[in-house]
Amino acid sequence: MSNPRTEISDLLLQNSPNLARALRREKDDASVTLTPEQQSEVEQLDELIAAAMRACKKGSTVGGKRNPAFANLQALVRTRDMLLKGRRATAKSSKDLLAEADRLLGRGN
């Protein structure tokens, strides 16, 4: 499990050597523009993520077998992340993926 990223304002206060890397990462994230085709793919992925979230509510097992919705949810969130960031997605824990899905669906904190 990875540590959450430190806010840039905190890095500024600490005069951290990681400040340049954080600023570069923020600039790279903001510079990605989506084509209309990619935007429609992201919208489709959002709908599929919502369906996978509903299927996850059934529990970890369905009919005595593992619920594949959890693996599907993880793959969908990674794919969406790759589209939005324009690069390979980083490994996230299941807890992080569920929190991301909740945030995407507007149910986040």
Protein backbone atom coordinates (compact mmCIF):
# COMPACT_ATOMS: atom_id res chain seq x y z
CA MET A 1 0.00 0.00 0.00
CA SER A 2 1.40 3.37 -0.93
CA ASN A 3 1.43 6.59 1.01
CA PRO A 4 -0.79 9.43 -0.19
CA ARG A 5 0.96 12.20 -2.09
CA THR A 6 1.97 15.25 -0.12
CA GLU A 7 0.22 18.45 -1.11
CA ILE A 8 2.32 20.98 -3.01
CA SER A 9 1.62 23.63 -0.39
CA ASP A 10 3.11 21.33 2.26
CA LEU A 11 6.15 20.68 0.09
CA LEU A 12 6.61 24.43 -0.28
CA LEU A 13 6.47 24.94 3.49
CA GLN A 14 8.96 22.13 4.05
CA ASN A 15 11.26 23.35 1.26
CA SER A 16 11.27 19.74 0.10
CA PRO A 17 13.59 18.49 -2.63
CA ASN A 18 10.54 16.70 -4.07
CA LEU A 19 8.82 19.98 -4.92
CA ALA A 20 10.14 20.08 -8.50
CA ARG A 21 8.93 16.54 -9.14
CA ALA A 22 5.47 17.30 -7.71
CA LEU A 23 5.16 20.46 -9.83
CA ARG A 24 6.23 18.55 -12.94
CA ARG A 25 3.69 15.79 -12.22
CA GLU A 26 0.92 18.35 -11.72
CA LYS A 27 1.85 20.08 -14.99
CA ASP A 28 1.85 16.76 -16.88
CA ASP A 29 -1.54 15.81 -15.45
CA ALA A 30 -3.03 19.15 -16.46
CA SER A 31 -1.58 19.10 -19.98
CA VAL A 32 -3.45 16.00 -21.19
CA THR A 33 -6.28 16.89 -23.54
CA LEU A 34 -8.82 14.32 -24.67
CA THR A 35 -10.16 13.91 -28.15
CA PRO A 36 -13.95 13.63 -28.51
CA GLU A 37 -13.50 9.89 -29.08
CA GLN A 38 -11.50 9.52 -25.86
CA GLN A 39 -14.06 11.62 -23.99
CA SER A 40 -16.86 9.29 -25.12
CA GLU A 41 -14.75 6.30 -24.04
CA VAL A 42 -14.33 7.88 -20.59
CA GLU A 43 -18.11 8.37 -20.35
CA GLN A 44 -18.68 4.72 -21.29
CA LEU A 45 -16.12 3.65 -18.69
CA ASP A 46 -17.94 5.74 -16.07
CA GLU A 47 -21.17 3.88 -16.86
CA LEU A 48 -19.39 0.51 -16.67
CA ILE A 49 -17.78 1.49 -13.36
CA ALA A 50 -21.22 2.33 -11.97
CA ALA A 51 -22.52 -1.08 -13.09
CA ALA A 52 -19.53 -2.82 -11.51
CA MET A 53 -20.12 -0.91 -8.25
CA ARG A 54 -23.74 -2.11 -8.18
CA ALA A 55 -22.54 -5.68 -8.77
CA CYS A 56 -20.01 -5.34 -5.93
CA LYS A 57 -22.88 -4.71 -3.50
CA LYS A 58 -23.86 -8.39 -3.87
CA GLY A 59 -20.81 -9.35 -1.84
CA SER A 60 -17.50 -11.05 -2.38
CA THR A 61 -19.12 -14.34 -3.39
CA VAL A 62 -22.09 -14.93 -5.65
CA GLY A 63 -23.53 -18.42 -5.90
CA GLY A 64 -20.57 -19.89 -4.01
CA LYS A 65 -18.05 -18.45 -6.47
CA ARG A 66 -15.90 -15.32 -6.31
CA ASN A 67 -17.68 -12.20 -7.53
CA PRO A 68 -15.86 -11.09 -10.71
CA ALA A 69 -17.22 -7.55 -10.30
CA PHE A 70 -14.29 -6.59 -8.06
CA ALA A 71 -11.69 -7.54 -10.68
CA ASN A 72 -13.78 -5.85 -13.37
CA LEU A 73 -14.01 -2.68 -11.30
CA GLN A 74 -10.26 -2.61 -10.82
CA ALA A 75 -9.61 -3.05 -14.55
CA LEU A 76 -12.15 -0.36 -15.48
CA VAL A 77 -10.73 2.22 -13.06
CA ARG A 78 -7.19 1.53 -14.30
CA THR A 79 -8.27 1.89 -17.92
CA ARG A 80 -10.04 5.16 -17.18
CA ASP A 81 -6.98 6.40 -15.30
CA MET A 82 -4.74 5.52 -18.27
CA LEU A 83 -7.01 7.45 -20.64
CA LEU A 84 -7.19 10.52 -18.44
CA LYS A 85 -3.53 10.68 -17.56
CA GLY A 86 -2.16 9.61 -20.92
CA ARG A 87 0.27 7.16 -19.34
CA ARG A 88 0.35 3.86 -17.51
CA ALA A 89 -1.69 3.73 -14.33
CA THR A 90 0.05 3.11 -11.03
CA ALA A 91 -0.87 0.15 -8.88
CA LYS A 92 -3.63 0.97 -6.41
CA SER A 93 -5.11 -1.01 -3.59
CA SER A 94 -8.71 -2.17 -3.73
CA LYS A 95 -9.58 0.40 -1.07
CA ASP A 96 -8.13 3.19 -3.21
CA LEU A 97 -9.97 1.93 -6.29
CA LEU A 98 -13.31 1.86 -4.48
CA ALA A 99 -12.71 5.35 -3.12
CA GLU A 100 -11.87 6.57 -6.64
CA ALA A 101 -15.02 4.96 -8.03
CA ASP A 102 -17.14 6.59 -5.31
CA ARG A 103 -15.55 9.95 -6.08
CA LEU A 104 -16.21 9.52 -9.80
CA LEU A 105 -19.83 8.69 -9.17
CA GLY A 106 -20.32 11.75 -6.97
CA ARG A 107 -20.73 9.81 -3.77
CA GLY A 108 -17.35 10.77 -2.35
CA ASN A 109 -16.63 12.95 0.65
